[in-house]
């Protein structure tokens, strides 16, 4: 039984981060800084968003948790502790190729309903096939 309230976003971010690292690419995330709890250097925010390099070499002590992303990085030579709720991540992409994933803004969208298992209905209805001899 699945928990439909659990967001897929942190799992997808971790998977894309790993794929980009394994491919030799530099993962970057786009963050909506208007959401509560985002802690980033304000002087680097542009149009309400910030792009953060989350490669192993740039993001020290990187933690990609289910609820947040945190790390220590240097911005214009000044160390800064970054904290971003996963819900504020708008996308993740590889700097070199632009390949990645974009997420819907705000809270995660509800899951589409699961397809109904119609095997019982199929068993109870008459077949349209006829036996030909």
N, C-alpha and C. Protein backbone atom coordinates (compact mmCIF):
# COMPACT_ATOMS: atom_id res chain seq x y z
N UNK A 1 0.84 -1.18 0.00
CA UNK A 1 0.00 0.00 0.00
C UNK A 1 0.88 1.23 0.00
N UNK A 2 0.63 2.16 -0.89
CA UNK A 2 1.50 3.33 -1.01
C UNK A 2 0.94 4.49 -0.18
N UNK A 3 1.85 5.35 0.25
CA UNK A 3 1.47 6.54 0.99
C UNK A 3 1.40 7.69 0.00
N UNK A 4 0.17 8.07 -0.42
CA UNK A 4 0.01 9.06 -1.47
C UNK A 4 0.41 10.45 -1.03
N UNK A 5 0.55 10.68 0.30
CA UNK A 5 0.93 12.01 0.77
C UNK A 5 2.44 12.21 0.74
N UNK A 6 3.20 11.16 0.48
CA UNK A 6 4.66 11.26 0.45
C UNK A 6 5.10 11.82 -0.90
N UNK A 7 5.88 12.87 -0.85
CA UNK A 7 6.35 13.53 -2.06
C UNK A 7 7.43 12.71 -2.75
N UNK A 8 7.37 12.67 -4.08
CA UNK A 8 8.41 12.01 -4.87
C UNK A 8 9.60 12.93 -5.11
N UNK A 9 9.39 14.22 -4.89
CA UNK A 9 10.40 15.23 -5.21
C UNK A 9 11.78 14.95 -4.61
N UNK A 10 11.90 14.66 -3.29
CA UNK A 10 13.25 14.43 -2.76
C UNK A 10 13.93 13.21 -3.37
N UNK A 11 13.15 12.19 -3.68
CA UNK A 11 13.71 10.98 -4.28
C UNK A 11 14.21 11.27 -5.70
N UNK A 12 13.43 12.06 -6.44
CA UNK A 12 13.83 12.41 -7.81
C UNK A 12 15.06 13.31 -7.79
N UNK A 13 15.13 14.22 -6.84
CA UNK A 13 16.30 15.11 -6.72
C UNK A 13 17.55 14.27 -6.44
N UNK A 14 17.43 13.33 -5.49
CA UNK A 14 18.59 12.48 -5.17
C UNK A 14 19.01 11.64 -6.37
N UNK A 15 18.02 11.09 -7.08
CA UNK A 15 18.34 10.26 -8.25
C UNK A 15 19.01 11.08 -9.35
N UNK A 16 18.47 12.26 -9.62
CA UNK A 16 19.06 13.12 -10.66
C UNK A 16 20.46 13.57 -10.24
N UNK A 17 20.64 13.89 -8.97
CA UNK A 17 21.95 14.30 -8.46
C UNK A 17 22.98 13.19 -8.67
N UNK A 18 22.59 11.97 -8.34
CA UNK A 18 23.49 10.83 -8.51
C UNK A 18 23.80 10.59 -9.99
N UNK A 19 22.77 10.64 -10.83
CA UNK A 19 22.95 10.42 -12.27
C UNK A 19 23.90 11.47 -12.85
N UNK A 20 23.71 12.72 -12.48
CA UNK A 20 24.57 13.79 -13.00
C UNK A 20 26.00 13.62 -12.53
N UNK A 21 26.18 13.27 -11.26
CA UNK A 21 27.53 13.04 -10.73
C UNK A 21 28.22 11.89 -11.44
N UNK A 22 27.48 10.79 -11.64
CA UNK A 22 28.03 9.63 -12.33
C UNK A 22 28.37 9.94 -13.79
N UNK A 23 27.64 10.90 -14.37
CA UNK A 23 27.87 11.28 -15.76
C UNK A 23 28.95 12.34 -15.91
N UNK A 24 29.51 12.80 -14.79
CA UNK A 24 30.55 13.82 -14.84
C UNK A 24 30.00 15.22 -15.04
N UNK A 25 28.71 15.41 -14.76
CA UNK A 25 28.09 16.72 -14.92
C UNK A 25 27.91 17.42 -13.57
N UNK A 26 27.66 18.71 -13.61
CA UNK A 26 27.53 19.53 -12.41
C UNK A 26 26.05 19.80 -12.13
N UNK A 27 25.50 19.20 -11.06
CA UNK A 27 24.08 19.41 -10.76
C UNK A 27 23.83 20.79 -10.14
N UNK A 28 22.81 21.45 -10.64
CA UNK A 28 22.36 22.74 -10.11
C UNK A 28 20.87 22.63 -9.81
N UNK A 29 20.44 23.30 -8.74
CA UNK A 29 19.02 23.37 -8.45
C UNK A 29 18.55 24.81 -8.57
N UNK A 30 17.30 24.97 -8.98
CA UNK A 30 16.65 26.28 -9.06
C UNK A 30 15.70 26.33 -7.87
N UNK A 31 15.83 27.40 -7.06
CA UNK A 31 15.08 27.49 -5.82
C UNK A 31 14.20 28.74 -5.83
N UNK A 32 12.95 28.57 -5.42
CA UNK A 32 12.02 29.67 -5.22
C UNK A 32 12.27 30.20 -3.81
N UNK A 33 12.86 31.38 -3.71
CA UNK A 33 13.24 31.91 -2.40
C UNK A 33 12.06 32.54 -1.65
N UNK A 34 10.90 32.64 -2.28
CA UNK A 34 9.74 33.23 -1.62
C UNK A 34 9.10 32.29 -0.61
N UNK A 35 9.43 31.01 -0.66
CA UNK A 35 8.85 30.06 0.28
C UNK A 35 9.51 30.20 1.65
N UNK A 36 8.71 29.98 2.67
CA UNK A 36 9.20 30.11 4.04
C UNK A 36 10.28 29.08 4.34
N UNK A 37 11.31 29.51 5.04
CA UNK A 37 12.37 28.61 5.47
C UNK A 37 13.59 28.58 4.57
N UNK A 38 13.53 29.17 3.39
CA UNK A 38 14.69 29.18 2.50
C UNK A 38 15.76 30.08 3.09
N UNK A 39 16.96 29.54 3.27
CA UNK A 39 18.08 30.31 3.80
C UNK A 39 19.20 30.28 2.76
N UNK A 40 19.30 31.37 2.01
CA UNK A 40 20.32 31.53 0.97
C UNK A 40 20.83 32.97 1.05
N UNK A 41 22.00 33.26 0.49
CA UNK A 41 22.49 34.65 0.51
C UNK A 41 21.62 35.54 -0.38
N UNK A 42 20.97 36.51 0.22
CA UNK A 42 20.01 37.38 -0.48
C UNK A 42 20.63 38.13 -1.65
N UNK A 43 21.91 38.45 -1.56
CA UNK A 43 22.55 39.23 -2.63
C UNK A 43 22.71 38.44 -3.92
N UNK A 44 22.47 37.13 -3.87
CA UNK A 44 22.59 36.30 -5.07
C UNK A 44 21.23 35.88 -5.64
N UNK A 45 20.16 36.39 -5.05
CA UNK A 45 18.80 36.10 -5.52
C UNK A 45 18.48 37.01 -6.70
N UNK A 46 17.88 36.42 -7.73
CA UNK A 46 17.49 37.18 -8.92
C UNK A 46 16.07 36.78 -9.30
N UNK A 47 15.18 37.77 -9.39
CA UNK A 47 13.78 37.53 -9.76
C UNK A 47 13.11 36.50 -8.85
N UNK A 48 13.45 36.53 -7.56
CA UNK A 48 12.82 35.62 -6.60
C UNK A 48 13.33 34.20 -6.63
N UNK A 49 14.41 33.98 -7.39
CA UNK A 49 14.97 32.63 -7.52
C UNK A 49 16.49 32.69 -7.35
N UNK A 50 17.05 31.54 -7.02
CA UNK A 50 18.50 31.41 -6.95
C UNK A 50 18.87 30.05 -7.54
N UNK A 51 19.98 30.01 -8.24
CA UNK A 51 20.50 28.76 -8.80
C UNK A 51 21.69 28.36 -7.95
N UNK A 52 21.66 27.14 -7.44
CA UNK A 52 22.70 26.66 -6.55
C UNK A 52 23.40 25.44 -7.14
N UNK A 53 24.72 25.48 -7.11
CA UNK A 53 25.55 24.35 -7.53
C UNK A 53 25.57 23.37 -6.36
N UNK A 54 25.04 22.17 -6.57
CA UNK A 54 25.04 21.18 -5.49
C UNK A 54 25.95 19.99 -5.81
N UNK A 55 27.02 20.27 -6.55
CA UNK A 55 28.01 19.22 -6.82
C UNK A 55 28.77 18.93 -5.53
N UNK A 56 29.36 17.77 -5.46
CA UNK A 56 30.11 17.38 -4.27
C UNK A 56 31.27 18.35 -3.99
N UNK A 57 31.85 18.92 -5.04
CA UNK A 57 32.98 19.82 -4.84
C UNK A 57 32.57 21.22 -4.37
N UNK A 58 31.34 21.62 -4.66
CA UNK A 58 30.89 22.97 -4.29
C UNK A 58 30.04 22.99 -3.02
N UNK A 59 29.27 21.94 -2.81
CA UNK A 59 28.34 21.89 -1.67
C UNK A 59 28.94 20.96 -0.61
N UNK A 60 29.56 21.55 0.39
CA UNK A 60 30.22 20.77 1.44
C UNK A 60 29.20 20.31 2.48
N UNK A 61 29.38 19.06 2.92
CA UNK A 61 28.46 18.45 3.88
C UNK A 61 27.02 18.45 3.34
N UNK A 62 26.89 18.13 2.05
CA UNK A 62 25.59 18.11 1.39
C UNK A 62 24.69 17.04 1.98
N UNK A 63 23.47 17.45 2.35
CA UNK A 63 22.46 16.52 2.85
C UNK A 63 21.20 16.69 1.99
N UNK A 64 20.85 15.65 1.27
CA UNK A 64 19.65 15.64 0.45
C UNK A 64 18.60 14.81 1.19
N UNK A 65 17.95 15.43 2.16
CA UNK A 65 16.96 14.74 2.99
C UNK A 65 15.58 14.83 2.36
N UNK A 66 14.61 14.12 2.92
CA UNK A 66 13.26 14.15 2.37
C UNK A 66 12.60 15.51 2.53
N UNK A 67 12.93 16.25 3.58
CA UNK A 67 12.28 17.53 3.82
C UNK A 67 13.08 18.74 3.40
N UNK A 68 14.40 18.58 3.29
CA UNK A 68 15.23 19.74 2.99
C UNK A 68 16.55 19.34 2.34
N UNK A 69 17.18 20.35 1.77
CA UNK A 69 18.53 20.22 1.23
C UNK A 69 19.38 21.22 2.01
N UNK A 70 20.50 20.75 2.54
CA UNK A 70 21.37 21.65 3.28
C UNK A 70 22.82 21.38 2.93
N UNK A 71 23.62 22.43 2.98
CA UNK A 71 25.05 22.33 2.72
C UNK A 71 25.72 23.66 3.06
N UNK A 72 27.04 23.64 3.05
CA UNK A 72 27.84 24.85 3.26
C UNK A 72 28.56 25.13 1.95
N UNK A 73 28.49 26.38 1.51
CA UNK A 73 29.13 26.75 0.24
C UNK A 73 29.72 28.16 0.38
N UNK A 74 30.54 28.49 -0.59
CA UNK A 74 31.12 29.84 -0.64
C UNK A 74 30.42 30.63 -1.72
N UNK A 75 30.05 31.85 -1.37
CA UNK A 75 29.43 32.80 -2.29
C UNK A 75 30.31 34.03 -2.29
N UNK A 76 30.95 34.31 -3.43
CA UNK A 76 31.91 35.41 -3.54
C UNK A 76 32.98 35.28 -2.46
N UNK A 77 33.39 34.04 -2.19
CA UNK A 77 34.45 33.79 -1.22
C UNK A 77 34.01 33.73 0.23
N UNK A 78 32.75 34.01 0.51
CA UNK A 78 32.25 34.03 1.88
C UNK A 78 31.46 32.74 2.15
N UNK A 79 31.84 31.97 3.21
CA UNK A 79 31.10 30.74 3.51
C UNK A 79 29.68 31.05 4.00
N UNK A 80 28.74 30.18 3.61
CA UNK A 80 27.33 30.38 3.96
C UNK A 80 26.68 29.02 4.13
N UNK A 81 25.88 28.87 5.19
CA UNK A 81 25.12 27.64 5.41
C UNK A 81 23.76 27.77 4.72
N UNK A 82 23.56 26.95 3.69
CA UNK A 82 22.34 26.98 2.88
C UNK A 82 21.36 25.95 3.42
N UNK A 83 20.09 26.34 3.47
CA UNK A 83 19.02 25.42 3.85
C UNK A 83 17.83 25.70 2.95
N UNK A 84 17.35 24.67 2.27
CA UNK A 84 16.25 24.82 1.32
C UNK A 84 15.23 23.72 1.55
N UNK A 85 13.97 24.09 1.85
CA UNK A 85 12.94 23.05 1.90
C UNK A 85 12.79 22.42 0.51
N UNK A 86 12.61 21.13 0.46
CA UNK A 86 12.49 20.44 -0.83
C UNK A 86 11.36 21.03 -1.66
N UNK A 87 10.29 21.49 -1.02
CA UNK A 87 9.16 22.07 -1.75
C UNK A 87 9.53 23.35 -2.49
N UNK A 88 10.65 23.99 -2.11
CA UNK A 88 11.09 25.23 -2.77
C UNK A 88 11.94 24.95 -4.01
N UNK A 89 12.31 23.69 -4.24
CA UNK A 89 13.13 23.34 -5.40
C UNK A 89 12.23 23.27 -6.62
N UNK A 90 12.50 24.13 -7.58
CA UNK A 90 11.70 24.19 -8.81
C UNK A 90 12.24 23.25 -9.88
N UNK A 91 13.52 22.90 -9.79
CA UNK A 91 14.10 22.01 -10.78
C UNK A 91 15.53 21.68 -10.46
N UNK A 92 16.03 20.66 -11.14
CA UNK A 92 17.43 20.26 -11.04
C UNK A 92 17.91 19.98 -12.46
N UNK A 93 19.10 20.47 -12.80
CA UNK A 93 19.61 20.27 -14.16
C UNK A 93 21.13 20.20 -14.14
N UNK A 94 21.68 19.61 -15.20
CA UNK A 94 23.13 19.53 -15.38
C UNK A 94 23.60 20.79 -16.10
N UNK A 95 24.56 21.47 -15.51
CA UNK A 95 25.06 22.72 -16.08
C UNK A 95 25.57 22.52 -17.51
N UNK A 96 26.24 21.42 -17.75
CA UNK A 96 26.89 21.19 -19.04
C UNK A 96 25.91 20.91 -20.17
N UNK A 97 24.79 20.25 -19.86
CA UNK A 97 23.88 19.83 -20.92
C UNK A 97 22.50 20.48 -20.84
N UNK A 98 22.15 21.00 -19.67
CA UNK A 98 20.82 21.55 -19.48
C UNK A 98 19.78 20.47 -19.23
N UNK A 99 20.18 19.19 -19.27
CA UNK A 99 19.24 18.11 -19.02
C UNK A 99 18.90 18.05 -17.55
N UNK A 100 17.64 17.76 -17.25
CA UNK A 100 17.25 17.66 -15.86
C UNK A 100 15.77 17.47 -15.72
N UNK A 101 15.22 18.03 -14.65
CA UNK A 101 13.82 17.83 -14.32
C UNK A 101 13.28 19.11 -13.71
N UNK A 102 12.09 19.51 -14.13
CA UNK A 102 11.42 20.69 -13.58
C UNK A 102 10.23 20.19 -12.77
N UNK A 103 10.02 20.78 -11.59
CA UNK A 103 8.92 20.42 -10.72
C UNK A 103 7.87 21.52 -10.74
N UNK A 104 6.63 21.15 -10.47
CA UNK A 104 5.57 22.15 -10.39
C UNK A 104 5.83 23.06 -9.19
N UNK A 105 5.45 24.32 -9.33
CA UNK A 105 5.71 25.29 -8.27
C UNK A 105 4.74 25.06 -7.12
N UNK A 106 5.18 25.34 -5.92
CA UNK A 106 4.34 25.19 -4.74
C UNK A 106 4.33 23.75 -4.27
N UNK A 107 3.23 23.36 -3.64
CA UNK A 107 3.14 22.01 -3.11
C UNK A 107 3.03 21.00 -4.24
N UNK A 108 3.38 19.78 -3.93
CA UNK A 108 3.29 18.73 -4.95
C UNK A 108 1.85 18.55 -5.39
N UNK A 109 1.68 18.32 -6.65
CA UNK A 109 0.35 18.11 -7.21
C UNK A 109 -0.17 16.75 -6.73
N UNK A 110 -1.49 16.63 -6.59
CA UNK A 110 -2.03 15.33 -6.16
C UNK A 110 -1.76 14.26 -7.21
N UNK A 111 -1.66 13.06 -6.74
CA UNK A 111 -1.42 11.93 -7.63
C UNK A 111 -2.66 11.68 -8.49
N UNK A 112 -2.47 11.30 -9.74
CA UNK A 112 -3.64 10.90 -10.52
C UNK A 112 -4.21 9.62 -9.93
N UNK A 113 -5.50 9.40 -10.07
CA UNK A 113 -6.07 8.18 -9.49
C UNK A 113 -5.49 6.95 -10.16
N UNK A 114 -5.36 5.90 -9.37
CA UNK A 114 -4.83 4.65 -9.92
C UNK A 114 -5.89 4.03 -10.82
N UNK A 115 -5.47 3.38 -11.91
CA UNK A 115 -6.44 2.74 -12.79
C UNK A 115 -7.20 1.66 -12.03
N UNK A 116 -8.48 1.56 -12.32
CA UNK A 116 -9.32 0.57 -11.66
C UNK A 116 -9.01 -0.80 -12.23
N UNK A 117 -8.97 -1.77 -11.36
CA UNK A 117 -8.75 -3.14 -11.79
C UNK A 117 -10.08 -3.67 -12.34
N UNK A 118 -10.17 -3.83 -13.65
CA UNK A 118 -11.43 -4.23 -14.25
C UNK A 118 -11.47 -5.73 -14.57
N UNK A 119 -10.61 -6.53 -13.92
CA UNK A 119 -10.63 -7.97 -14.19
C UNK A 119 -11.93 -8.59 -13.70
N UNK A 120 -12.49 -8.11 -12.57
CA UNK A 120 -13.77 -8.64 -12.09
C UNK A 120 -14.88 -8.32 -13.07
N UNK A 121 -14.89 -7.10 -13.59
CA UNK A 121 -15.91 -6.71 -14.56
C UNK A 121 -15.79 -7.55 -15.83
N UNK A 122 -14.56 -7.84 -16.23
CA UNK A 122 -14.35 -8.63 -17.44
C UNK A 122 -14.85 -10.06 -17.25
N UNK A 123 -14.68 -10.60 -16.04
CA UNK A 123 -15.13 -11.97 -15.76
C UNK A 123 -16.65 -12.06 -15.77
N UNK A 124 -17.31 -11.00 -15.32
CA UNK A 124 -18.77 -11.03 -15.20
C UNK A 124 -19.49 -10.70 -16.50
N UNK A 125 -18.84 -10.11 -17.46
CA UNK A 125 -19.53 -9.76 -18.70
C UNK A 125 -19.29 -10.88 -19.73
N UNK A 126 -20.22 -10.98 -20.66
CA UNK A 126 -20.11 -11.99 -21.70
C UNK A 126 -19.07 -11.56 -22.71
N UNK A 127 -18.35 -12.51 -23.20
CA UNK A 127 -17.34 -12.23 -24.21
C UNK A 127 -18.00 -11.90 -25.54
N UNK A 128 -17.37 -11.06 -26.32
CA UNK A 128 -17.86 -10.73 -27.65
C UNK A 128 -17.38 -11.76 -28.68
N UNK A 129 -16.54 -12.71 -28.22
CA UNK A 129 -16.02 -13.74 -29.12
C UNK A 129 -17.02 -14.88 -29.24
N UNK A 130 -17.07 -15.47 -30.44
CA UNK A 130 -17.95 -16.60 -30.69
C UNK A 130 -17.11 -17.78 -31.16
N UNK A 131 -17.54 -18.94 -30.76
CA UNK A 131 -16.86 -20.15 -31.18
C UNK A 131 -17.23 -20.49 -32.60
N UNK A 132 -16.26 -20.60 -33.47
CA UNK A 132 -16.49 -20.93 -34.86
C UNK A 132 -15.98 -22.34 -35.09
N UNK A 133 -16.83 -23.21 -35.67
CA UNK A 133 -16.43 -24.60 -35.90
C UNK A 133 -16.28 -24.88 -37.35
